[in-house]
């Protein structure tokens, strides 16, 4: 996110109001300038304030929606989707918790959350039965967004969980005991179908599957869907695949549209109308400890995730998302970020 003051026009006094000047060189102001009174600081503040109005009028769920973001195929944008959808929903005015179940901790990194080995993490919740409230941290820059981070200790949790009582439902119990009000919980799973992912599937109600618009897009999905059926049949009867999100969509290629058509023919209404474009900004944001929503709020990636979040929120209360919603939503999101770029 960048602001070029010398392009924007003549400089104006950023602190309007009375001032008191002495006869010498020293000049004092009655109101000292704020700490973020720089072009970059003002742009960042405007971005967050504008995006905070993104979801005015959007419905909030009657009870917490626990969504498991899963796909055993790596590189499909699973973590990217988790953190950016979570930020979008929070900027829509919801209270959102991201649970990072991937030992790599990429979701924690992208949200700017410290997750070195000594930090209380989701590992302590799963293995040592530590209360979830003791490991949850607020996410900087995005009001209403929280994260339960992952540390490298989580890499050994698969083995340690094997011998524990109720090993498949430890995350579910931790979430049920969490007393803070939440609208959404998004669980970022590792790219495997081990005990960590099973814990997520037992704890969740909905499964959100990101699918990249590339060759072999549906590879490995059969096993994931079979696991969802097994968990629904034996451990969690409310679990279902509610959302399919197409990621890395490149409208310039015939392959992307063919993959999108194939996915829609397989999954029908579960596929969101909104797709996420292939975007350099989306890829760059995590290296700055940010989501694309705060890194570059006017980018196509940010606007797409805002629109996807709008669609998810409407589907959750049984409102069908049609072309009218899409048009109004796009106008709303674009009007918010016009003054930021």
C-alpha atoms as a PDB file:
ATOM      1  CA  UNK A   1       0.000   0.000   0.000  1.00  0.00           C
ATOM      2  CA  UNK A   2       1.543   3.276  -1.089  1.00  0.00           C
ATOM      3  CA  UNK A   3       0.757   6.956  -0.939  1.00  0.00           C
ATOM      4  CA  UNK A   4       2.593   9.519  -3.116  1.00  0.00           C
ATOM      5  CA  UNK A   5       2.129  12.866  -1.442  1.00  0.00           C
ATOM      6  CA  UNK A   6       3.858  14.848  -4.201  1.00  0.00           C
ATOM      7  CA  UNK A   7       1.506  13.389  -6.796  1.00  0.00           C
ATOM      8  CA  UNK A   8      -1.638  13.971  -4.780  1.00  0.00           C
ATOM      9  CA  UNK A   9      -1.357  17.764  -4.975  1.00  0.00           C
ATOM     10  CA  UNK A  10      -0.355  20.602  -2.661  1.00  0.00           C
ATOM     11  CA  UNK A  11       0.285  19.698   0.930  1.00  0.00           C
ATOM     12  CA  UNK A  12      -2.341  20.687   3.448  1.00  0.00           C
ATOM     13  CA  UNK A  13      -2.078  21.019   7.188  1.00  0.00           C
ATOM     14  CA  UNK A  14      -2.898  17.540   8.522  1.00  0.00           C
ATOM     15  CA  UNK A  15      -3.863  18.944  11.935  1.00  0.00           C
ATOM     16  CA  UNK A  16      -6.502  21.644  11.483  1.00  0.00           C
ATOM     17  CA  UNK A  17      -7.346  23.946  14.335  1.00  0.00           C
ATOM     18  CA  UNK A  18      -5.761  26.732  16.335  1.00  0.00           C
ATOM     19  CA  UNK A  19      -2.046  26.859  16.989  1.00  0.00           C
ATOM     20  CA  UNK A  20       0.188  29.024  19.084  1.00  0.00           C
ATOM     21  CA  UNK A  21       3.441  30.354  17.610  1.00  0.00           C
ATOM     22  CA  UNK A  22       6.262  31.974  19.539  1.00  0.00           C
ATOM     23  CA  UNK A  23       8.412  34.864  18.247  1.00  0.00           C
ATOM     24  CA  UNK A  24      11.492  32.604  18.013  1.00  0.00           C
ATOM     25  CA  UNK A  25      12.232  29.532  15.995  1.00  0.00           C
ATOM     26  CA  UNK A  26      10.289  27.169  18.274  1.00  0.00           C
ATOM     27  CA  UNK A  27       6.713  26.542  17.238  1.00  0.00           C
ATOM     28  CA  UNK A  28       4.267  24.798  19.543  1.00  0.00           C
ATOM     29  CA  UNK A  29       0.864  23.395  18.658  1.00  0.00           C
ATOM     30  CA  UNK A  30      -2.079  23.287  20.996  1.00  0.00           C
ATOM     31  CA  UNK A  31      -2.877  19.838  19.594  1.00  0.00           C
ATOM     32  CA  UNK A  32       0.170  17.620  19.005  1.00  0.00           C
ATOM     33  CA  UNK A  33       0.136  15.650  15.747  1.00  0.00           C
ATOM     34  CA  UNK A  34      -0.892  11.998  16.019  1.00  0.00           C
ATOM     35  CA  UNK A  35       1.778   9.315  15.741  1.00  0.00           C
ATOM     36  CA  UNK A  36       0.439   8.058  12.377  1.00  0.00           C
ATOM     37  CA  UNK A  37       0.434  11.522  10.811  1.00  0.00           C
ATOM     38  CA  UNK A  38       2.422  10.452   7.756  1.00  0.00           C
ATOM     39  CA  UNK A  39       1.205   9.688   4.232  1.00  0.00           C
ATOM     40  CA  UNK A  40       1.641   5.928   4.767  1.00  0.00           C
ATOM     41  CA  UNK A  41       0.088   6.039   8.226  1.00  0.00           C
ATOM     42  CA  UNK A  42      -2.922   8.012   7.004  1.00  0.00           C
ATOM     43  CA  UNK A  43      -3.394   5.620   4.068  1.00  0.00           C
ATOM     44  CA  UNK A  44      -3.280   2.603   6.372  1.00  0.00           C
ATOM     45  CA  UNK A  45      -5.737   4.181   8.771  1.00  0.00           C
ATOM     46  CA  UNK A  46      -8.091   5.083   5.927  1.00  0.00           C
ATOM     47  CA  UNK A  47      -7.859   1.531   4.589  1.00  0.00           C
ATOM     48  CA  UNK A  48      -8.833  -0.054   7.877  1.00  0.00           C
ATOM     49  CA  UNK A  49     -11.611   2.474   8.541  1.00  0.00           C
ATOM     50  CA  UNK A  50     -13.037   2.124   5.049  1.00  0.00           C
ATOM     51  CA  UNK A  51     -12.891  -1.642   5.063  1.00  0.00           C
ATOM     52  CA  UNK A  52     -14.514  -1.626   8.472  1.00  0.00           C
ATOM     53  CA  UNK A  53     -17.661  -0.443   6.715  1.00  0.00           C
ATOM     54  CA  UNK A  54     -17.487  -3.294   4.191  1.00  0.00           C
ATOM     55  CA  UNK A  55     -20.227  -5.387   5.638  1.00  0.00           C
ATOM     56  CA  UNK A  56     -22.764  -2.831   6.767  1.00  0.00           C
ATOM     57  CA  UNK A  57     -26.136  -4.523   6.606  1.00  0.00           C
ATOM     58  CA  UNK A  58     -24.739  -8.044   6.243  1.00  0.00           C
ATOM     59  CA  UNK A  59     -26.530 -10.660   8.356  1.00  0.00           C
ATOM     60  CA  UNK A  60     -24.702 -12.274  11.261  1.00  0.00           C
ATOM     61  CA  UNK A  61     -25.309 -15.957  12.058  1.00  0.00           C
ATOM     62  CA  UNK A  62     -27.623 -16.848  14.926  1.00  0.00           C
ATOM     63  CA  UNK A  63     -24.958 -19.160  16.343  1.00  0.00           C
ATOM     64  CA  UNK A  64     -21.260 -19.627  15.737  1.00  0.00           C
ATOM     65  CA  UNK A  65     -20.432 -21.139  12.344  1.00  0.00           C
ATOM     66  CA  UNK A  66     -17.413 -23.452  12.626  1.00  0.00           C
ATOM     67  CA  UNK A  67     -15.866 -23.854   9.175  1.00  0.00           C
ATOM     68  CA  UNK A  68     -13.060 -26.322   8.428  1.00  0.00           C
ATOM     69  CA  UNK A  69     -10.847 -25.197   5.542  1.00  0.00           C
ATOM     70  CA  UNK A  70      -9.415 -28.438   4.157  1.00  0.00           C
ATOM     71  CA  UNK A  71      -7.827 -29.909   1.078  1.00  0.00           C
ATOM     72  CA  UNK A  72      -5.167 -32.606   1.269  1.00  0.00           C
ATOM     73  CA  UNK A  73      -3.632 -31.334  -1.962  1.00  0.00           C
ATOM     74  CA  UNK A  74      -0.973 -28.719  -1.194  1.00  0.00           C
ATOM     75  CA  UNK A  75      -0.624 -25.366  -2.907  1.00  0.00           C
ATOM     76  CA  UNK A  76      -4.328 -24.724  -3.459  1.00  0.00           C
ATOM     77  CA  UNK A  77      -4.487 -21.506  -1.413  1.00  0.00           C
ATOM     78  CA  UNK A  78      -5.911 -23.107   1.711  1.00  0.00           C
ATOM     79  CA  UNK A  79      -4.111 -20.969   4.288  1.00  0.00           C
ATOM     80  CA  UNK A  80      -4.414 -17.874   2.103  1.00  0.00           C
ATOM     81  CA  UNK A  81      -8.156 -18.457   1.850  1.00  0.00           C
ATOM     82  CA  UNK A  82      -8.496 -19.017   5.601  1.00  0.00           C
ATOM     83  CA  UNK A  83      -6.802 -15.788   6.681  1.00  0.00           C
ATOM     84  CA  UNK A  84      -8.276 -13.556   3.981  1.00  0.00           C
ATOM     85  CA  UNK A  85     -11.829 -14.827   4.418  1.00  0.00           C
ATOM     86  CA  UNK A  86     -11.439 -14.421   8.180  1.00  0.00           C
ATOM     87  CA  UNK A  87     -10.206 -10.841   7.759  1.00  0.00           C
ATOM     88  CA  UNK A  88     -13.012 -10.085   5.297  1.00  0.00           C
ATOM     89  CA  UNK A  89     -15.669 -11.401   7.671  1.00  0.00           C
ATOM     90  CA  UNK A  90     -14.148  -9.423  10.549  1.00  0.00           C
ATOM     91  CA  UNK A  91     -14.103  -6.265   8.453  1.00  0.00           C
ATOM     92  CA  UNK A  92     -17.759  -6.967   7.699  1.00  0.00           C
ATOM     93  CA  UNK A  93     -18.314  -6.514  11.447  1.00  0.00           C
ATOM     94  CA  UNK A  94     -18.209 -10.143  12.598  1.00  0.00           C
ATOM     95  CA  UNK A  95     -16.134 -11.618  15.424  1.00  0.00           C
ATOM     96  CA  UNK A  96     -13.897 -14.273  13.906  1.00  0.00           C
ATOM     97  CA  UNK A  97     -11.401 -16.771  15.332  1.00  0.00           C
ATOM     98  CA  UNK A  98      -8.776 -18.487  13.184  1.00  0.00           C
ATOM     99  CA  UNK A  99      -7.459 -21.778  14.596  1.00  0.00           C
ATOM    100  CA  UNK A 100      -4.129 -22.653  13.005  1.00  0.00           C
ATOM    101  CA  UNK A 101      -3.791 -26.453  12.937  1.00  0.00           C
ATOM    102  CA  UNK A 102      -0.904 -26.546  10.453  1.00  0.00           C
ATOM    103  CA  UNK A 103       2.499 -27.151  12.135  1.00  0.00           C
ATOM    104  CA  UNK A 104       4.085 -24.760   9.624  1.00  0.00           C
ATOM    105  CA  UNK A 105       2.128 -21.931  11.231  1.00  0.00           C
ATOM    106  CA  UNK A 106       1.613 -20.041   7.981  1.00  0.00           C
ATOM    107  CA  UNK A 107      -1.795 -18.710   9.020  1.00  0.00           C
ATOM    108  CA  UNK A 108      -0.285 -17.330  12.229  1.00  0.00           C
ATOM    109  CA  UNK A 109       2.481 -15.656  10.214  1.00  0.00           C
ATOM    110  CA  UNK A 110       0.039 -14.110   7.737  1.00  0.00           C
ATOM    111  CA  UNK A 111      -2.003 -12.648  10.602  1.00  0.00           C
ATOM    112  CA  UNK A 112       1.063 -11.125  12.256  1.00  0.00           C
ATOM    113  CA  UNK A 113       0.860 -13.437  15.296  1.00  0.00           C
ATOM    114  CA  UNK A 114       4.000 -14.468  17.165  1.00  0.00           C
ATOM    115  CA  UNK A 115       4.281 -18.261  17.166  1.00  0.00           C
ATOM    116  CA  UNK A 116       7.790 -19.227  18.246  1.00  0.00           C
ATOM    117  CA  UNK A 117       8.223 -22.398  20.289  1.00  0.00           C
ATOM    118  CA  UNK A 118       7.558 -20.863  23.737  1.00  0.00           C
ATOM    119  CA  UNK A 119       4.288 -19.178  22.783  1.00  0.00           C
ATOM    120  CA  UNK A 120       1.114 -20.835  24.173  1.00  0.00           C
ATOM    121  CA  UNK A 121      -0.476 -22.462  21.152  1.00  0.00           C
ATOM    122  CA  UNK A 122      -3.114 -24.835  19.885  1.00  0.00           C
ATOM    123  CA  UNK A 123      -0.668 -27.662  20.672  1.00  0.00           C
ATOM    124  CA  UNK A 124      -1.139 -26.972  24.389  1.00  0.00           C
ATOM    125  CA  UNK A 125      -4.912 -27.078  23.899  1.00  0.00           C
ATOM    126  CA  UNK A 126      -4.891 -30.431  22.104  1.00  0.00           C
ATOM    127  CA  UNK A 127      -2.221 -32.286  24.066  1.00  0.00           C
ATOM    128  CA  UNK A 128      -2.268 -30.662  27.521  1.00  0.00           C
ATOM    129  CA  UNK A 129      -5.984 -29.684  27.642  1.00  0.00           C
ATOM    130  CA  UNK A 130      -5.125 -26.031  28.139  1.00  0.00           C
ATOM    131  CA  UNK A 131      -8.171 -23.707  27.828  1.00  0.00           C
ATOM    132  CA  UNK A 132      -8.492 -22.204  24.353  1.00  0.00           C
ATOM    133  CA  UNK A 133      -8.951 -18.736  25.847  1.00  0.00           C
ATOM    134  CA  UNK A 134      -5.382 -18.855  27.189  1.00  0.00           C
ATOM    135  CA  UNK A 135      -3.797 -19.195  23.741  1.00  0.00           C
ATOM    136  CA  UNK A 136      -6.033 -16.917  21.635  1.00  0.00           C
ATOM    137  CA  UNK A 137      -4.409 -13.631  20.564  1.00  0.00           C
ATOM    138  CA  UNK A 138      -6.031 -10.580  18.931  1.00  0.00           C
ATOM    139  CA  UNK A 139      -4.848  -9.905  15.384  1.00  0.00           C
ATOM    140  CA  UNK A 140      -3.161  -6.513  14.914  1.00  0.00           C
ATOM    141  CA  UNK A 141      -4.826  -4.078  12.489  1.00  0.00           C
ATOM    142  CA  UNK A 142      -8.146  -5.976  12.184  1.00  0.00           C
ATOM    143  CA  UNK A 143     -10.702  -5.408  14.902  1.00  0.00           C
ATOM    144  CA  UNK A 144     -12.771  -8.454  15.805  1.00  0.00           C
ATOM    145  CA  UNK A 145     -10.244 -10.968  14.420  1.00  0.00           C
ATOM    146  CA  UNK A 146      -8.441 -13.435  16.706  1.00  0.00           C
ATOM    147  CA  UNK A 147      -6.007 -16.302  16.227  1.00  0.00           C
ATOM    148  CA  UNK A 148      -5.046 -19.459  18.113  1.00  0.00           C
ATOM    149  CA  UNK A 149      -1.512 -19.896  16.736  1.00  0.00           C
ATOM    150  CA  UNK A 150       0.381 -23.025  15.771  1.00  0.00           C
ATOM    151  CA  UNK A 151       3.981 -23.688  16.812  1.00  0.00           C
ATOM    152  CA  UNK A 152       6.486 -26.253  15.592  1.00  0.00           C
ATOM    153  CA  UNK A 153       5.486 -28.429  18.590  1.00  0.00           C
ATOM    154  CA  UNK A 154       2.331 -29.271  16.640  1.00  0.00           C
ATOM    155  CA  UNK A 155       4.436 -31.422  14.298  1.00  0.00           C
ATOM    156  CA  UNK A 156       4.604 -34.096  17.019  1.00  0.00           C
ATOM    157  CA  UNK A 157       0.964 -33.842  18.019  1.00  0.00           C
ATOM    158  CA  UNK A 158      -0.147 -36.507  15.524  1.00  0.00           C
ATOM    159  CA  UNK A 159       1.892 -39.101  17.453  1.00  0.00           C
ATOM    160  CA  UNK A 160       1.128 -37.754  20.928  1.00  0.00           C
ATOM    161  CA  UNK A 161      -2.623 -37.704  20.318  1.00  0.00           C
ATOM    162  CA  UNK A 162      -2.723 -41.427  19.509  1.00  0.00           C
ATOM    163  CA  UNK A 163      -2.516 -42.490  23.158  1.00  0.00           C
ATOM    164  CA  UNK A 164      -4.846 -39.797  24.569  1.00  0.00           C
ATOM    165  CA  UNK A 165      -8.456 -40.314  25.623  1.00  0.00           C
ATOM    166  CA  UNK A 166     -11.040 -38.971  23.156  1.00  0.00           C
ATOM    167  CA  UNK A 167      -8.242 -38.114  20.762  1.00  0.00           C
ATOM    168  CA  UNK A 168     -10.592 -37.185  17.885  1.00  0.00           C
ATOM    169  CA  UNK A 169     -12.723 -34.724  19.866  1.00  0.00           C
ATOM    170  CA  UNK A 170     -10.205 -32.710  21.900  1.00  0.00           C
ATOM    171  CA  UNK A 171     -10.532 -29.628  19.704  1.00  0.00           C
ATOM    172  CA  UNK A 172     -14.328 -29.890  19.777  1.00  0.00           C
ATOM    173  CA  UNK A 173     -14.334 -29.869  23.587  1.00  0.00           C
ATOM    174  CA  UNK A 174     -11.980 -26.883  23.689  1.00  0.00           C
ATOM    175  CA  UNK A 175     -14.231 -24.892  21.346  1.00  0.00           C
ATOM    176  CA  UNK A 176     -17.358 -25.787  23.324  1.00  0.00           C
ATOM    177  CA  UNK A 177     -15.675 -24.537  26.521  1.00  0.00           C
ATOM    178  CA  UNK A 178     -14.646 -21.216  24.902  1.00  0.00           C
ATOM    179  CA  UNK A 179     -16.953 -18.583  26.348  1.00  0.00           C
ATOM    180  CA  UNK A 180     -16.190 -15.491  24.252  1.00  0.00           C
ATOM    181  CA  UNK A 181     -18.934 -14.702  21.693  1.00  0.00           C
ATOM    182  CA  UNK A 182     -17.932 -15.498  18.105  1.00  0.00           C
ATOM    183  CA  UNK A 183     -19.707 -15.395  14.762  1.00  0.00           C
ATOM    184  CA  UNK A 184     -17.255 -17.560  12.844  1.00  0.00           C
ATOM    185  CA  UNK A 185     -14.445 -19.998  13.619  1.00  0.00           C
ATOM    186  CA  UNK A 186     -12.215 -20.895  10.666  1.00  0.00           C
ATOM    187  CA  UNK A 187      -9.885 -23.867  11.140  1.00  0.00           C
ATOM    188  CA  UNK A 188      -6.852 -24.073   8.860  1.00  0.00           C
ATOM    189  CA  UNK A 189      -5.915 -27.749   8.416  1.00  0.00           C
ATOM    190  CA  UNK A 190      -2.585 -29.302   7.408  1.00  0.00           C
ATOM    191  CA  UNK A 191      -2.394 -30.818   3.891  1.00  0.00           C
ATOM    192  CA  UNK A 192      -2.948 -34.341   5.217  1.00  0.00           C
ATOM    193  CA  UNK A 193      -5.763 -36.459   6.618  1.00  0.00           C
ATOM    194  CA  UNK A 194      -4.264 -37.337  10.011  1.00  0.00           C
ATOM    195  CA  UNK A 195      -5.533 -36.795  13.548  1.00  0.00           C
ATOM    196  CA  UNK A 196      -5.198 -33.011  13.372  1.00  0.00           C
ATOM    197  CA  UNK A 197      -7.552 -32.837  10.393  1.00  0.00           C
ATOM    198  CA  UNK A 198      -9.896 -35.379  12.026  1.00  0.00           C
ATOM    199  CA  UNK A 199     -10.020 -33.155  15.140  1.00  0.00           C
ATOM    200  CA  UNK A 200     -10.998 -30.235  12.906  1.00  0.00           C
ATOM    201  CA  UNK A 201     -13.707 -32.265  11.134  1.00  0.00           C
ATOM    202  CA  UNK A 202     -15.172 -33.427  14.446  1.00  0.00           C
ATOM    203  CA  UNK A 203     -15.176 -29.855  15.796  1.00  0.00           C
ATOM    204  CA  UNK A 204     -16.668 -28.247  12.689  1.00  0.00           C
ATOM    205  CA  UNK A 205     -20.103 -28.056  11.145  1.00  0.00           C
ATOM    206  CA  UNK A 206     -19.121 -26.986   7.644  1.00  0.00           C
ATOM    207  CA  UNK A 207     -16.256 -27.887   5.333  1.00  0.00           C
ATOM    208  CA  UNK A 208     -14.884 -25.227   2.985  1.00  0.00           C
ATOM    209  CA  UNK A 209     -12.728 -26.642   0.189  1.00  0.00           C
ATOM    210  CA  UNK A 210     -10.507 -24.301  -1.855  1.00  0.00           C
ATOM    211  CA  UNK A 211      -9.845 -25.700  -5.344  1.00  0.00           C
ATOM    212  CA  UNK A 212      -7.272 -24.141  -7.627  1.00  0.00           C
ATOM    213  CA  UNK A 213      -8.226 -23.609 -11.254  1.00  0.00           C
ATOM    214  CA  UNK A 214      -5.375 -25.699 -12.614  1.00  0.00           C
ATOM    215  CA  UNK A 215      -4.789 -29.162 -14.057  1.00  0.00           C
ATOM    216  CA  UNK A 216      -5.506 -32.012 -11.609  1.00  0.00           C
ATOM    217  CA  UNK A 217      -7.700 -29.645  -9.587  1.00  0.00           C
ATOM    218  CA  UNK A 218      -9.919 -32.473  -8.332  1.00  0.00           C
ATOM    219  CA  UNK A 219      -7.018 -34.800  -7.543  1.00  0.00           C
ATOM    220  CA  UNK A 220      -7.258 -36.158  -4.004  1.00  0.00           C
ATOM    221  CA  UNK A 221     -10.700 -34.712  -3.327  1.00  0.00           C
ATOM    222  CA  UNK A 222     -12.281 -38.164  -3.347  1.00  0.00           C
ATOM    223  CA  UNK A 223     -10.392 -39.242  -0.225  1.00  0.00           C
ATOM    224  CA  UNK A 224     -11.242 -35.990   1.574  1.00  0.00           C
ATOM    225  CA  UNK A 225     -14.932 -36.410   0.776  1.00  0.00           C
ATOM    226  CA  UNK A 226     -14.830 -40.031   1.967  1.00  0.00           C
ATOM    227  CA  UNK A 227     -13.273 -38.882   5.247  1.00  0.00           C
ATOM    228  CA  UNK A 228     -15.995 -36.262   5.633  1.00  0.00           C
ATOM    229  CA  UNK A 229     -18.591 -39.024   5.148  1.00  0.00           C
ATOM    230  CA  UNK A 230     -16.842 -41.253   7.712  1.00  0.00           C
ATOM    231  CA  UNK A 231     -16.672 -38.493  10.321  1.00  0.00           C
ATOM    232  CA  UNK A 232     -20.315 -37.593   9.676  1.00  0.00           C
ATOM    233  CA  UNK A 233     -21.360 -41.218  10.064  1.00  0.00           C
ATOM    234  CA  UNK A 234     -19.420 -41.986  13.247  1.00  0.00           C
ATOM    235  CA  UNK A 235     -18.405 -38.808  15.073  1.00  0.00           C
ATOM    236  CA  UNK A 236     -20.157 -35.658  13.857  1.00  0.00           C
ATOM    237  CA  UNK A 237     -23.563 -36.033  12.193  1.00  0.00           C
ATOM    238  CA  UNK A 238     -23.859 -32.280  11.474  1.00  0.00           C
ATOM    239  CA  UNK A 239     -20.725 -32.118   9.294  1.00  0.00           C
ATOM    240  CA  UNK A 240     -21.229 -31.301   5.613  1.00  0.00           C
ATOM    241  CA  UNK A 241     -19.426 -29.690   2.704  1.00  0.00           C
ATOM    242  CA  UNK A 242     -21.050 -26.279   2.484  1.00  0.00           C
ATOM    243  CA  UNK A 243     -18.650 -24.235   0.368  1.00  0.00           C
ATOM    244  CA  UNK A 244     -16.306 -24.729  -2.585  1.00  0.00           C
ATOM    245  CA  UNK A 245     -14.130 -21.735  -3.478  1.00  0.00           C
ATOM    246  CA  UNK A 246     -12.280 -21.519  -6.784  1.00  0.00           C
ATOM    247  CA  UNK A 247      -8.816 -20.008  -6.296  1.00  0.00           C
ATOM    248  CA  UNK A 248      -5.948 -18.923  -8.559  1.00  0.00           C
ATOM    249  CA  UNK A 249      -8.393 -18.202 -11.377  1.00  0.00           C
ATOM    250  CA  UNK A 250      -6.765 -16.771 -14.502  1.00  0.00           C
ATOM    251  CA  UNK A 251      -9.418 -15.524 -16.880  1.00  0.00           C
ATOM    252  CA  UNK A 252      -6.892 -15.318 -19.735  1.00  0.00           C
ATOM    253  CA  UNK A 253      -6.601 -19.096 -19.989  1.00  0.00           C
ATOM    254  CA  UNK A 254      -9.068 -21.596 -21.367  1.00  0.00           C
ATOM    255  CA  UNK A 255      -7.934 -24.136 -18.755  1.00  0.00           C
ATOM    256  CA  UNK A 256      -9.204 -21.991 -15.860  1.00  0.00           C
ATOM    257  CA  UNK A 257     -12.701 -21.722 -17.288  1.00  0.00           C
ATOM    258  CA  UNK A 258     -12.754 -25.450 -18.114  1.00  0.00           C
ATOM    259  CA  UNK A 259     -11.743 -26.367 -14.562  1.00  0.00           C
ATOM    260  CA  UNK A 260     -14.333 -23.955 -13.144  1.00  0.00           C
ATOM    261  CA  UNK A 261     -17.049 -25.531 -15.311  1.00  0.00           C
ATOM    262  CA  UNK A 262     -15.992 -29.022 -14.220  1.00  0.00           C
ATOM    263  CA  UNK A 263     -16.033 -28.100 -10.521  1.00  0.00           C
ATOM    264  CA  UNK A 264     -19.455 -26.459 -10.846  1.00  0.00           C
ATOM    265  CA  UNK A 265     -20.839 -29.523 -12.607  1.00  0.00           C
ATOM    266  CA  UNK A 266     -19.548 -31.743  -9.782  1.00  0.00           C
ATOM    267  CA  UNK A 267     -20.626 -29.627  -6.797  1.00  0.00           C
ATOM    268  CA  UNK A 268     -23.425 -27.381  -8.075  1.00  0.00           C
ATOM    269  CA  UNK A 269     -24.677 -24.756  -5.648  1.00  0.00           C
ATOM    270  CA  UNK A 270     -21.928 -25.464  -3.138  1.00  0.00           C
ATOM    271  CA  UNK A 271     -19.511 -23.575  -5.414  1.00  0.00           C
ATOM    272  CA  UNK A 272     -19.391 -19.841  -4.692  1.00  0.00           C
ATOM    273  CA  UNK A 273     -20.142 -17.580  -7.629  1.00  0.00           C
ATOM    274  CA  UNK A 274     -17.140 -15.506  -6.601  1.00  0.00           C
ATOM    275  CA  UNK A 275     -13.736 -16.870  -7.610  1.00  0.00           C
ATOM    276  CA  UNK A 276     -10.342 -15.671  -6.376  1.00  0.00           C
ATOM    277  CA  UNK A 277      -7.994 -14.464  -9.128  1.00  0.00           C
ATOM    278  CA  UNK A 278      -4.323 -15.304  -9.362  1.00  0.00           C
ATOM    279  CA  UNK A 279      -2.756 -12.244  -7.741  1.00  0.00           C
ATOM    280  CA  UNK A 280       0.750 -11.099  -6.887  1.00  0.00           C
ATOM    281  CA  UNK A 281      -0.648  -8.951  -4.064  1.00  0.00           C
ATOM    282  CA  UNK A 282      -2.250 -11.985  -2.386  1.00  0.00           C
ATOM    283  CA  UNK A 283       1.107 -13.775  -2.529  1.00  0.00           C
ATOM    284  CA  UNK A 284       3.086 -10.803  -1.211  1.00  0.00           C
ATOM    285  CA  UNK A 285       0.897  -9.954   1.782  1.00  0.00           C
ATOM    286  CA  UNK A 286       1.979 -12.791   4.165  1.00  0.00           C
ATOM    287  CA  UNK A 287       5.647 -11.750   3.938  1.00  0.00           C
ATOM    288  CA  UNK A 288       4.587  -8.469   5.580  1.00  0.00           C
ATOM    289  CA  UNK A 289       2.570 -10.259   8.281  1.00  0.00           C
ATOM    290  CA  UNK A 290      -0.684  -9.022   6.732  1.00  0.00           C
ATOM    291  CA  UNK A 291      -3.701 -10.218   4.832  1.00  0.00           C
ATOM    292  CA  UNK A 292      -4.296  -8.752   1.398  1.00  0.00           C
ATOM    293  CA  UNK A 293      -7.173  -6.752   2.915  1.00  0.00           C
ATOM    294  CA  UNK A 294      -4.779  -4.469   4.792  1.00  0.00           C
ATOM    295  CA  UNK A 295      -1.769  -4.885   2.484  1.00  0.00           C
ATOM    296  CA  UNK A 296      -3.536  -3.674  -0.672  1.00  0.00           C
ATOM    297  CA  UNK A 297      -7.254  -3.133  -0.045  1.00  0.00           C
ATOM    298  CA  UNK A 298      -7.963  -1.930  -3.568  1.00  0.00           C
ATOM    299  CA  UNK A 299      -6.483  -4.971  -5.311  1.00  0.00           C
ATOM    300  CA  UNK A 300      -8.578  -7.472  -7.218  1.00  0.00           C
ATOM    301  CA  UNK A 301      -7.656 -10.136  -4.658  1.00  0.00           C
ATOM    302  CA  UNK A 302      -8.898  -8.067  -1.716  1.00  0.00           C
ATOM    303  CA  UNK A 303     -12.162  -7.196  -3.445  1.00  0.00           C
ATOM    304  CA  UNK A 304     -12.710 -10.855  -4.398  1.00  0.00           C
ATOM    305  CA  UNK A 305     -12.264 -12.069  -0.821  1.00  0.00           C
ATOM    306  CA  UNK A 306     -14.621  -9.356   0.437  1.00  0.00           C
ATOM    307  CA  UNK A 307     -17.197 -10.528  -2.080  1.00  0.00           C
ATOM    308  CA  UNK A 308     -16.678 -14.196  -1.200  1.00  0.00           C
ATOM    309  CA  UNK A 309     -17.189 -13.364   2.478  1.00  0.00           C
ATOM    310  CA  UNK A 310     -20.409 -11.526   1.604  1.00  0.00           C
ATOM    311  CA  UNK A 311     -21.628 -14.575  -0.298  1.00  0.00           C
ATOM    312  CA  UNK A 312     -20.774 -16.928   2.588  1.00  0.00           C
ATOM    313  CA  UNK A 313     -22.587 -14.695   5.067  1.00  0.00           C
ATOM    314  CA  UNK A 314     -25.718 -14.567   2.910  1.00  0.00           C
ATOM    315  CA  UNK A 315     -25.707 -18.332   2.267  1.00  0.00           C
ATOM    316  CA  UNK A 316     -25.441 -18.928   6.012  1.00  0.00           C
ATOM    317  CA  UNK A 317     -28.832 -17.340   6.620  1.00  0.00           C
ATOM    318  CA  UNK A 318     -30.491 -18.923   3.609  1.00  0.00           C
ATOM    319  CA  UNK A 319     -30.371 -15.896   1.310  1.00  0.00           C
ATOM    320  CA  UNK A 320     -29.602 -16.871  -2.289  1.00  0.00           C
ATOM    321  CA  UNK A 321     -26.760 -14.897  -3.817  1.00  0.00           C
ATOM    322  CA  UNK A 322     -27.751 -13.659  -7.243  1.00  0.00           C
ATOM    323  CA  UNK A 323     -26.488 -11.207  -9.834  1.00  0.00           C
ATOM    324  CA  UNK A 324     -28.127  -8.303  -7.978  1.00  0.00           C
ATOM    325  CA  UNK A 325     -26.244  -9.108  -4.775  1.00  0.00           C
ATOM    326  CA  UNK A 326     -23.029  -9.442  -6.763  1.00  0.00           C
ATOM    327  CA  UNK A 327     -23.498  -6.049  -8.452  1.00  0.00           C
ATOM    328  CA  UNK A 328     -24.412  -4.225  -5.242  1.00  0.00           C
ATOM    329  CA  UNK A 329     -21.596  -5.903  -3.336  1.00  0.00           C
ATOM    330  CA  UNK A 330     -18.993  -5.043  -5.949  1.00  0.00           C
ATOM    331  CA  UNK A 331     -20.121  -1.409  -6.028  1.00  0.00           C
ATOM    332  CA  UNK A 332     -19.993  -1.226  -2.227  1.00  0.00           C
ATOM    333  CA  UNK A 333     -16.519  -2.738  -1.972  1.00  0.00           C
ATOM    334  CA  UNK A 334     -15.074  -0.616  -4.765  1.00  0.00           C
ATOM    335  CA  UNK A 335     -16.530   2.627  -3.429  1.00  0.00           C
ATOM    336  CA  UNK A 336     -14.889   1.988  -0.072  1.00  0.00           C
ATOM    337  CA  UNK A 337     -11.380   1.725  -1.417  1.00  0.00           C
ATOM    338  CA  UNK A 338     -11.519   4.449  -4.081  1.00  0.00           C
ATOM    339  CA  UNK A 339     -10.008   7.040  -1.758  1.00  0.00           C
ATOM    340  CA  UNK A 340      -7.242   4.758  -0.514  1.00  0.00           C
ATOM    341  CA  UNK A 341      -5.294   4.147  -3.711  1.00  0.00           C
END
